[in-house]
Every structure is written in C-alpha cells, then in structure tokens.
Amino acid sequence: MTMRTEAFIDGRFVPAADGRTFATVSPRDGSEIAQVARGGAEDIDRAVRAARRAFEREDWAYADPAQRGRVLVRLAELMTEHLDELARLEDGEEAGEALGRHDDVDKIAFTGSVPVGRLFQRYAGESNGKAVSLELGGKSPQVVLADAGDLQAAAQAIGWGIFYNAGQTCHAGSRVVVARPVRDELVERLERYAAETFLPADPMAPDTVLGALISTEHLDGVMGRVQRAADGGARVLTGGERAEPVPGGAYMQPTLIETDDRRDPIVTEEVFGPVLVIQTADDVDHALELANDTRYGLAAALWTSDLRTAGRLARRLRAGTVWVNTFDASSMATPFGGFRDSGHGRDRSLHALEAYTQLKTTWISLA
C-alpha cells in the first residue's frame, strides 16, 4: 500500500501550509513509518472554509432525504473498503486546538481523554460557543456477586473486557469488584485465562490477541502507574512486566493488581492499558458502593443469577451503559455514552443525531 503523508483538504492532498511534518512511529518495533504533514491553524482554516462551502451548497443542504441517505450509505461503503488506509491516518495536536477555536465550526464531537475534552470545552467558550459533545474516559467496574453462577463465563468476559486492544478502550472493564466468597476462584480463573489467551505478540501476525500499546511513552506511563501502586502496598498478582515479542516495541504483560485502598490512583484513575484492578466486597451494598466510588460513569457490568438483584443494582449503578451477565454487547440502535467525567452526549442510535441538529420555529400568519 502506498501511503499519502500530506493533508487532505478540499478534495486533494496538500502539504502543510508551513511545510512542517512530524514522525509517525510504529509501536510494533519503534521504527519510523513516515513523516506526516503537521496541520496547523492555516491548514484548519482552509479545511473549514472548504467544508462550509460544501455544506451550504443547495445540492446538499436542500437535497431530498432519500438522496442524502444514498450518499451516506455509499460513504460508509467506501470507508469499509478503505479501512486499512483510514487506520493509518494521523493528526497534529495543533490542528485540534485550531479546530476547537475556529469561529466557523458549529459543533465538535470529541472522543479521548478527560483533560483534552476539557480543553475543547474551553476552546468553545473562548470562541463562538460552539456545541461540544464528549465521549471521554472510564474506570468501568465489573461487579461479580456471590451468586454469579458461571464464573468461567464471567472470567472470560472480564478478560476480553480489559485485555482487548491492550486495554486501550474508553469503556474497558478495568476494575473487578468481586464478592469475597467467590474472590479466590474468580481470580484463579482470571489468572489462568490471561496466561493462556493474552500472550503479547506481533500485531502484524493474524493470530495475535494482545498487541502493542500505542507508544513506548504511553507504555512507560502505564508501567509507572503499576509500580507506584505496588510501592504503595498494592499486590501485583500476575504480569506487571514489559514484554518483547518484537524488539523495540511497546508491549506489556496482562496484569492483575489487587488493593484494599479505594483512593489509590490505580483504582481511581484511567490507566488505558492491560491492567485489571481487583477489589473485594463484603456484601451487595458494599459492592455497589465500591462500583460507584468513581468520578467516571461510562459503563459497568453486573454478574448475578438473581434477576431481581440485577434489576435493582442496574438501576443504581451510575453508568451510561450497564450490562448484566455479559460485557460489551452493543447495537447501532442503542445509545452509548457516559455520566460525570466520562462526558456527555451519546453516540449511536437516533439520540446521537440530536447533537447535530437544532430546533427551529417558524410562524406564518395567514390573516
């Protein structure tokens, strides 16, 4: 595949206005892939002006909804056909600020970290007051009660929920709140499942399950969080070490770490890596208390064989999505988003469209 490294503006590839580039480094082996155009404020302005012209053309703005639908479906088809190319897209951080502050941008939808999401809110307030919807981080709990039943099914779902994509997903189930009577069996099953299934390996190999983290710098940060937790008294049950299936890459062993300190940053802060925190609860109310003791509210899961308990706790768990006896089930027909520091607004479903529309009232006098 031939990769284009320029910016794509107004239907064509162009270098950055000031000619600057930045290096894209592969986390697989630390090698430089390419020098990519570093978009700045002038490039963003050109792109926004081109987008505004296209948006206000009558052949789109006043097009029949069916025609718009056909165009969007074709766009989706093209995106599917070119997934490999789209996955290699890069962006410079100056471009994000320039877009957030641009007075001709009406709406920003951002998925990423809490600090950057807060920046976009600030950019909006300091520019044209544009609408901002945020889908930010999480510290999603997997609550396993004493009557969970099939602990192997729970362990497998929990393992996938945190070690998939090396833990680098916003709704990763990065905490397990487990009832004391089943703690030992669940942890044993988790340790075995992690060791057998999530072996760090070359992400270019088709059978790899656990690949690289996004960069060596991010890996350093994740490792530092685990080390500080261990220094403070947390117990590393398995993992916690770097791996090197490919020399120079950013790999980490799947990690289970346990602590009784609910204020430990490993419990309260998003790690964004293959690190699962174990917390033990004395009873159902204690489990609910631990699960909700977070500034995030993106997702949660509950494992129980009692339907009445499931209904009661699902209502009380403060999260935008709650799964019962499963994890990461989804549909384009259902909304996805969070509470509190996990952001606001929703992706998917018809509710997502509300963030991109505005109500308008027209009065007509026939007198």
Protein backbone atom coordinates (compact mmCIF):
# COMPACT_ATOMS: atom_id res chain seq x y z
CA MET A 1 0.00 0.00 0.00
CA THR A 2 1.27 3.46 -0.95
CA MET A 3 0.65 5.87 1.91
CA ARG A 4 -0.02 9.54 1.29
CA THR A 5 1.50 11.71 4.01
CA GLU A 6 0.05 15.09 3.07
CA ALA A 7 -3.08 16.69 4.49
CA PHE A 8 -6.33 16.05 2.57
CA ILE A 9 -8.03 19.43 2.13
CA ASP A 10 -10.78 20.45 -0.30
CA GLY A 11 -10.60 17.20 -2.24
CA ARG A 12 -6.85 16.94 -2.73
CA PHE A 13 -3.64 16.08 -0.92
CA VAL A 14 -1.53 19.09 0.01
CA PRO A 15 1.49 19.71 2.27
CA ALA A 16 1.07 21.70 5.45
CA ALA A 17 0.99 25.42 4.76
CA ASP A 18 4.25 25.95 6.65
CA GLY A 19 5.83 22.76 5.32
CA ARG A 20 6.22 21.17 8.74
CA THR A 21 5.96 17.41 9.32
CA PHE A 22 6.08 15.03 12.27
CA ALA A 23 7.26 11.46 12.60
CA THR A 24 4.81 8.59 12.87
CA VAL A 25 6.48 5.86 14.91
CA SER A 26 5.29 2.25 14.92
CA PRO A 27 4.63 0.87 18.42
CA ARG A 28 5.28 -2.57 16.92
CA ASP A 29 9.05 -2.08 16.79
CA GLY A 30 9.79 1.60 17.40
CA SER A 31 10.65 2.27 13.76
CA GLU A 32 9.68 5.44 11.93
CA ILE A 33 6.91 4.80 9.42
CA ALA A 34 6.75 8.19 7.74
CA GLN A 35 6.96 11.94 8.09
CA VAL A 36 3.38 13.25 8.04
CA ALA A 37 2.18 16.78 7.28
CA ARG A 38 1.74 18.69 10.54
CA GLY A 39 -1.53 20.55 10.15
CA GLY A 40 -1.69 23.96 11.80
CA ALA A 41 -4.14 26.84 12.13
CA GLU A 42 -3.84 27.89 8.47
CA ASP A 43 -4.49 24.35 7.26
CA ILE A 44 -7.51 24.02 9.54
CA ASP A 45 -8.86 27.35 8.27
CA ARG A 46 -8.57 26.15 4.67
CA ALA A 47 -10.31 22.89 5.55
CA VAL A 48 -13.12 24.60 7.46
CA ARG A 49 -13.76 27.07 4.64
CA ALA A 50 -13.93 24.20 2.14
CA ALA A 51 -16.30 22.28 4.39
CA ARG A 52 -18.51 25.33 4.86
CA ARG A 53 -18.76 25.86 1.10
CA ALA A 54 -19.74 22.24 0.58
CA PHE A 55 -22.22 22.29 3.46
CA GLU A 56 -24.07 25.37 2.21
CA ARG A 57 -24.34 24.28 -1.41
CA GLU A 58 -28.03 23.83 -2.21
CA ASP A 59 -27.49 20.49 -3.93
CA TRP A 60 -26.70 19.06 -0.48
CA ALA A 61 -28.38 21.34 2.04
CA TYR A 62 -31.75 21.04 0.30
CA ALA A 63 -31.35 17.55 -1.11
CA ASP A 64 -34.12 15.01 -0.71
CA PRO A 65 -33.56 12.91 2.45
CA ALA A 66 -33.53 9.74 0.38
CA GLN A 67 -30.73 11.13 -1.78
CA ARG A 68 -28.76 12.14 1.29
CA GLY A 69 -29.24 8.64 2.63
CA ARG A 70 -27.83 7.10 -0.54
CA VAL A 71 -24.78 9.36 -0.36
CA LEU A 72 -24.14 8.50 3.29
CA VAL A 73 -24.57 4.78 2.68
CA ARG A 74 -22.08 4.99 -0.18
CA LEU A 75 -19.68 6.89 2.11
CA ALA A 76 -19.99 4.11 4.68
CA GLU A 77 -19.27 1.52 1.99
CA LEU A 78 -16.15 3.38 0.88
CA MET A 79 -14.94 3.70 4.47
CA THR A 80 -15.34 -0.06 4.93
CA GLU A 81 -13.45 -0.73 1.69
CA HIS A 82 -10.56 1.51 2.80
CA LEU A 83 -10.28 0.58 6.47
CA ASP A 84 -6.55 -0.14 6.26
CA GLU A 85 -5.84 3.32 4.86
CA LEU A 86 -8.12 5.10 7.33
CA ALA A 87 -6.49 3.25 10.23
CA ARG A 88 -3.18 4.89 9.28
CA LEU A 89 -4.46 8.46 9.45
CA GLU A 90 -2.57 10.81 11.74
CA ASP A 91 -3.22 14.29 13.15
CA GLY A 92 -1.08 17.03 14.72
CA GLU A 93 -2.19 18.38 18.18
CA GLU A 94 -2.18 21.99 16.93
CA ALA A 95 -4.91 21.01 14.48
CA GLY A 96 -7.23 20.05 17.34
CA GLU A 97 -6.91 23.40 19.07
CA ALA A 98 -7.31 25.32 15.83
CA LEU A 99 -10.48 23.38 15.05
CA GLY A 100 -11.83 23.87 18.57
CA ARG A 101 -11.27 27.63 18.43
CA HIS A 102 -12.45 28.20 14.84
CA ASP A 103 -15.38 30.62 14.69
CA ASP A 104 -16.93 28.92 11.66
CA VAL A 105 -17.17 25.47 13.27
CA ASP A 106 -20.63 24.90 14.76
CA LYS A 107 -20.09 21.58 16.52
CA ILE A 108 -17.23 19.49 17.92
CA ALA A 109 -17.59 15.81 18.83
CA PHE A 110 -14.53 14.53 20.67
CA THR A 111 -13.56 11.06 21.87
CA GLY A 112 -10.45 10.89 24.03
CA SER A 113 -9.05 11.79 27.43
CA VAL A 114 -10.73 13.91 30.09
CA PRO A 115 -8.06 16.67 30.07
CA VAL A 116 -8.29 17.14 26.30
CA GLY A 117 -12.09 17.06 26.45
CA ARG A 118 -11.95 19.89 28.98
CA LEU A 119 -9.72 21.83 26.59
CA PHE A 120 -12.34 21.57 23.84
CA GLN A 121 -14.96 22.96 26.22
CA ARG A 122 -12.62 25.85 26.97
CA TYR A 123 -11.89 26.44 23.28
CA ALA A 124 -15.64 26.59 22.61
CA GLY A 125 -16.21 29.07 25.43
CA GLU A 126 -13.37 31.30 24.26
CA SER A 127 -14.51 31.32 20.63
CA ASN A 128 -18.04 31.10 19.26
CA GLY A 129 -19.69 28.99 21.96
CA LYS A 130 -19.93 26.02 19.61
CA ALA A 131 -21.70 22.87 20.77
CA VAL A 132 -19.36 20.23 22.20
CA SER A 133 -20.19 16.60 22.91
CA LEU A 134 -17.64 14.48 24.73
CA GLU A 135 -17.06 10.74 24.99
CA LEU A 136 -14.20 10.53 27.45
CA GLY A 137 -12.52 8.01 29.70
CA GLY A 138 -13.79 5.47 32.15
CA LYS A 139 -12.94 3.20 35.06
CA SER A 140 -15.70 0.72 34.35
CA PRO A 141 -16.45 -1.81 37.11
CA GLN A 142 -17.29 -5.48 36.61
CA VAL A 143 -19.36 -6.36 39.68
CA VAL A 144 -19.29 -10.10 40.40
CA LEU A 145 -21.69 -11.15 43.14
CA ALA A 146 -21.55 -14.35 45.18
CA ASP A 147 -24.45 -15.82 43.17
CA ALA A 148 -22.83 -15.11 39.81
CA GLY A 149 -23.08 -18.76 38.81
CA ASP A 150 -20.82 -19.42 35.82
CA LEU A 151 -17.55 -17.88 36.97
CA GLN A 152 -15.68 -19.15 33.92
CA ALA A 153 -18.01 -17.21 31.63
CA ALA A 154 -17.53 -14.17 33.83
CA ALA A 155 -13.73 -14.57 33.81
CA GLN A 156 -13.63 -14.82 30.02
CA ALA A 157 -15.84 -11.77 29.52
CA ILE A 158 -13.83 -9.80 32.09
CA GLY A 159 -10.57 -10.82 30.41
CA TRP A 160 -11.73 -9.69 27.00
CA GLY A 161 -13.21 -6.54 28.52
CA ILE A 162 -9.81 -5.32 29.74
CA PHE A 163 -7.14 -7.02 27.62
CA TYR A 164 -8.81 -6.48 24.24
CA ASN A 165 -6.83 -3.84 22.33
CA ALA A 166 -4.30 -3.93 25.19
CA GLY A 167 -6.80 -2.17 27.44
CA GLN A 168 -6.83 0.91 25.23
CA THR A 169 -10.59 1.40 25.00
CA CYS A 170 -12.63 4.05 26.77
CA HIS A 171 -15.10 1.60 28.32
CA ALA A 172 -12.56 -1.10 29.25
CA GLY A 173 -13.71 -3.07 32.28
CA SER A 174 -10.63 -2.08 34.24
CA ARG A 175 -11.97 -2.82 37.74
CA VAL A 176 -13.40 -6.03 39.19
CA VAL A 177 -15.50 -5.65 42.32
CA VAL A 178 -15.91 -9.23 43.48
CA ALA A 179 -17.83 -10.70 46.41
CA ARG A 180 -15.50 -12.19 48.99
CA PRO A 181 -16.93 -15.76 48.84
CA VAL A 182 -16.03 -16.12 45.14
CA ARG A 183 -12.93 -13.93 45.08
CA ASP A 184 -10.34 -16.72 45.11
CA GLU A 185 -11.99 -18.81 42.40
CA LEU A 186 -12.58 -15.85 40.11
CA VAL A 187 -9.02 -14.55 40.46
CA GLU A 188 -7.62 -18.02 39.78
CA ARG A 189 -9.70 -18.29 36.63
CA LEU A 190 -8.69 -14.79 35.53
CA GLU A 191 -5.01 -15.52 36.02
CA ARG A 192 -5.23 -18.76 34.05
CA TYR A 193 -7.28 -17.21 31.25
CA ALA A 194 -4.92 -14.24 30.92
CA ALA A 195 -1.86 -16.50 30.77
CA GLU A 196 -3.39 -18.86 28.21
CA THR A 197 -5.12 -16.35 25.93
CA PHE A 198 -3.47 -12.93 26.09
CA LEU A 199 0.14 -13.52 25.15
CA PRO A 200 1.84 -10.33 23.91
CA ALA A 201 2.69 -10.89 20.25
CA ASP A 202 3.44 -9.20 16.94
CA PRO A 203 0.32 -7.17 15.97
CA MET A 204 1.01 -7.94 12.30
CA ALA A 205 0.51 -11.67 12.93
CA PRO A 206 -3.07 -12.72 12.12
CA ASP A 207 -3.50 -14.82 15.26
CA THR A 208 -2.29 -12.16 17.72
CA VAL A 209 -4.73 -11.34 20.52
CA LEU A 210 -2.69 -8.88 22.61
CA GLY A 211 -0.57 -6.48 20.59
CA ALA A 212 1.35 -3.29 21.35
CA LEU A 213 0.34 -0.23 23.30
CA ILE A 214 0.12 2.97 21.29
CA SER A 215 3.69 4.14 22.05
CA THR A 216 6.69 3.49 24.26
CA GLU A 217 5.94 6.76 26.07
CA HIS A 218 2.45 5.53 26.92
CA LEU A 219 3.87 2.16 27.99
CA ASP A 220 6.25 3.96 30.34
CA GLY A 221 3.28 5.76 31.87
CA VAL A 222 1.28 2.57 32.38
CA MET A 223 4.28 0.78 33.90
CA GLY A 224 4.87 3.75 36.19
CA ARG A 225 1.28 3.62 37.48
CA VAL A 226 1.61 -0.08 38.29
CA GLN A 227 4.96 0.43 40.03
CA ARG A 228 3.67 3.32 42.15
CA ALA A 229 0.66 1.24 43.17
CA ALA A 230 2.91 -1.67 44.13
CA ASP A 231 5.19 0.66 46.09
CA GLY A 232 2.11 1.90 47.96
CA GLY A 233 1.03 -1.57 49.01
CA ALA A 234 -1.00 -2.93 46.10
CA ARG A 235 -0.33 -6.59 45.23
CA VAL A 236 0.62 -7.49 41.66
CA LEU A 237 -0.99 -10.92 41.20
CA THR A 238 0.27 -11.54 37.68
CA GLY A 239 2.04 -9.60 34.95
CA GLY A 240 3.22 -6.08 35.65
CA GLU A 241 6.24 -6.52 33.38
CA ARG A 242 7.23 -5.41 29.92
CA ALA A 243 7.24 -7.95 27.11
CA GLU A 244 9.29 -8.01 23.93
CA PRO A 245 7.76 -10.24 21.26
CA VAL A 246 9.23 -7.77 18.75
CA PRO A 247 12.41 -5.87 19.73
CA GLY A 248 11.84 -2.15 20.26
CA GLY A 249 8.06 -2.45 20.59
CA ALA A 250 5.69 -1.19 23.30
CA TYR A 251 4.41 -4.41 24.87
CA MET A 252 3.21 -5.29 28.35
CA GLN A 253 2.15 -8.49 30.06
CA PRO A 254 -1.55 -8.67 31.01
CA THR A 255 -1.64 -7.52 34.61
CA LEU A 256 -3.86 -8.20 37.61
CA ILE A 257 -3.30 -5.99 40.64
CA GLU A 258 -5.23 -6.02 43.92
CA THR A 259 -5.65 -3.34 46.54
CA ASP A 260 -7.87 -2.52 49.51
CA ASP A 261 -7.12 1.20 49.17
CA ARG A 262 -10.05 2.69 47.26
CA ARG A 263 -8.19 6.00 46.98
CA ASP A 264 -5.14 4.51 45.26
CA PRO A 265 -4.73 6.16 41.82
CA ILE A 266 -4.63 2.68 40.25
CA VAL A 267 -8.28 2.41 41.37
CA THR A 268 -9.46 5.95 40.70
CA GLU A 269 -7.62 6.94 37.51
CA GLU A 270 -7.88 5.61 33.98
CA VAL A 271 -4.74 3.62 33.13
CA PHE A 272 -5.58 2.87 29.48
CA GLY A 273 -3.55 -0.32 29.38
CA PRO A 274 -3.82 -4.07 30.06
CA VAL A 275 -4.20 -3.60 33.81
CA LEU A 276 -7.11 -5.06 35.79
CA VAL A 277 -7.67 -3.88 39.37
CA ILE A 278 -9.24 -6.32 41.84
CA GLN A 279 -11.39 -5.00 44.72
CA THR A 280 -13.14 -7.30 47.20
CA ALA A 281 -16.61 -6.52 48.55
CA ASP A 282 -18.16 -7.81 51.77
CA ASP A 283 -21.77 -7.79 50.54
CA VAL A 284 -24.04 -6.47 47.78
CA ASP A 285 -24.32 -2.94 49.20
CA HIS A 286 -20.55 -2.74 49.66
CA ALA A 287 -20.06 -3.88 46.05
CA LEU A 288 -22.41 -1.17 44.81
CA GLU A 289 -20.62 1.42 46.94
CA LEU A 290 -17.21 0.46 45.52
CA ALA A 291 -18.52 0.35 41.96
CA ASN A 292 -19.98 3.84 42.18
CA ASP A 293 -16.99 5.32 44.00
CA THR A 294 -15.53 6.89 40.86
CA ARG A 295 -15.61 10.19 39.05
CA TYR A 296 -16.36 8.32 35.82
CA GLY A 297 -19.63 6.85 34.61
CA LEU A 298 -19.25 5.34 31.16
CA ALA A 299 -20.12 1.68 31.64
CA ALA A 300 -20.49 -1.12 34.18
CA ALA A 301 -21.27 -4.83 34.23
CA LEU A 302 -23.08 -6.94 36.79
CA TRP A 303 -22.77 -10.70 37.24
CA THR A 304 -25.60 -12.37 39.19
CA SER A 305 -28.10 -15.19 38.76
CA ASP A 306 -30.86 -13.25 40.55
CA LEU A 307 -32.96 -11.20 38.13
CA ARG A 308 -34.42 -9.04 40.88
CA THR A 309 -30.95 -8.19 42.16
CA ALA A 310 -29.88 -7.43 38.59
CA GLY A 311 -32.75 -5.01 38.07
CA ARG A 312 -32.23 -3.25 41.41
CA LEU A 313 -28.48 -2.81 41.02
CA ALA A 314 -28.55 -1.94 37.33
CA ARG A 315 -30.78 0.99 38.20
CA ARG A 316 -28.42 2.13 40.97
CA LEU A 317 -25.15 1.75 39.08
CA ARG A 318 -24.18 5.25 37.88
CA ALA A 319 -23.11 4.47 34.33
CA GLY A 320 -24.42 5.24 30.86
CA THR A 321 -24.44 1.55 29.91
CA VAL A 322 -24.95 -1.40 32.26
CA TRP A 323 -24.50 -4.98 31.10
CA VAL A 324 -25.89 -7.93 33.05
CA ASN A 325 -24.09 -11.27 32.71
CA THR A 326 -22.28 -10.04 29.62
CA PHE A 327 -19.90 -7.27 28.58
CA ASP A 328 -19.60 -5.01 25.53
CA ALA A 329 -22.85 -6.07 23.88
CA SER A 330 -23.84 -3.26 21.53
CA SER A 331 -26.07 -2.18 18.69
CA MET A 332 -26.26 0.86 16.47
CA ALA A 333 -29.86 1.13 17.63
CA THR A 334 -28.95 1.83 21.26
CA PRO A 335 -27.24 4.97 22.62
CA PHE A 336 -23.76 4.87 24.10
CA GLY A 337 -22.22 7.49 26.34
CA GLY A 338 -21.48 8.33 29.93
CA PHE A 339 -22.08 10.42 33.01
CA ARG A 340 -19.85 12.73 35.02
CA ASP A 341 -16.19 12.84 33.88
CA SER A 342 -16.93 10.31 31.15
CA GLY A 343 -18.55 13.09 29.16
CA HIS A 344 -21.97 13.95 27.85
CA GLY A 345 -23.92 13.34 24.69
CA ARG A 346 -24.48 9.98 23.05
CA ASP A 347 -23.06 8.02 20.15
CA ARG A 348 -25.16 5.58 18.10
CA SER A 349 -28.96 5.46 17.83
CA LEU A 350 -31.29 8.30 16.86
CA HIS A 351 -30.30 10.08 20.08
CA ALA A 352 -26.86 10.72 18.58
CA LEU A 353 -28.41 12.79 15.80
CA GLU A 354 -29.83 15.24 18.32
CA ALA A 355 -26.32 16.62 18.93
CA TYR A 356 -26.03 17.56 15.25
CA THR A 357 -29.39 19.28 14.81
CA GLN A 358 -31.05 22.42 16.12
CA LEU A 359 -34.70 23.16 16.69
CA LYS A 360 -36.22 25.98 14.69
CA THR A 361 -39.67 27.54 14.92
CA THR A 362 -41.39 29.28 12.00
CA TRP A 363 -44.61 31.32 12.45
CA ILE A 364 -46.74 32.10 9.42
CA SER A 365 -49.63 34.49 9.56
CA LEU A 366 -52.47 33.71 7.11
CA ALA A 367 -54.53 36.73 8.16
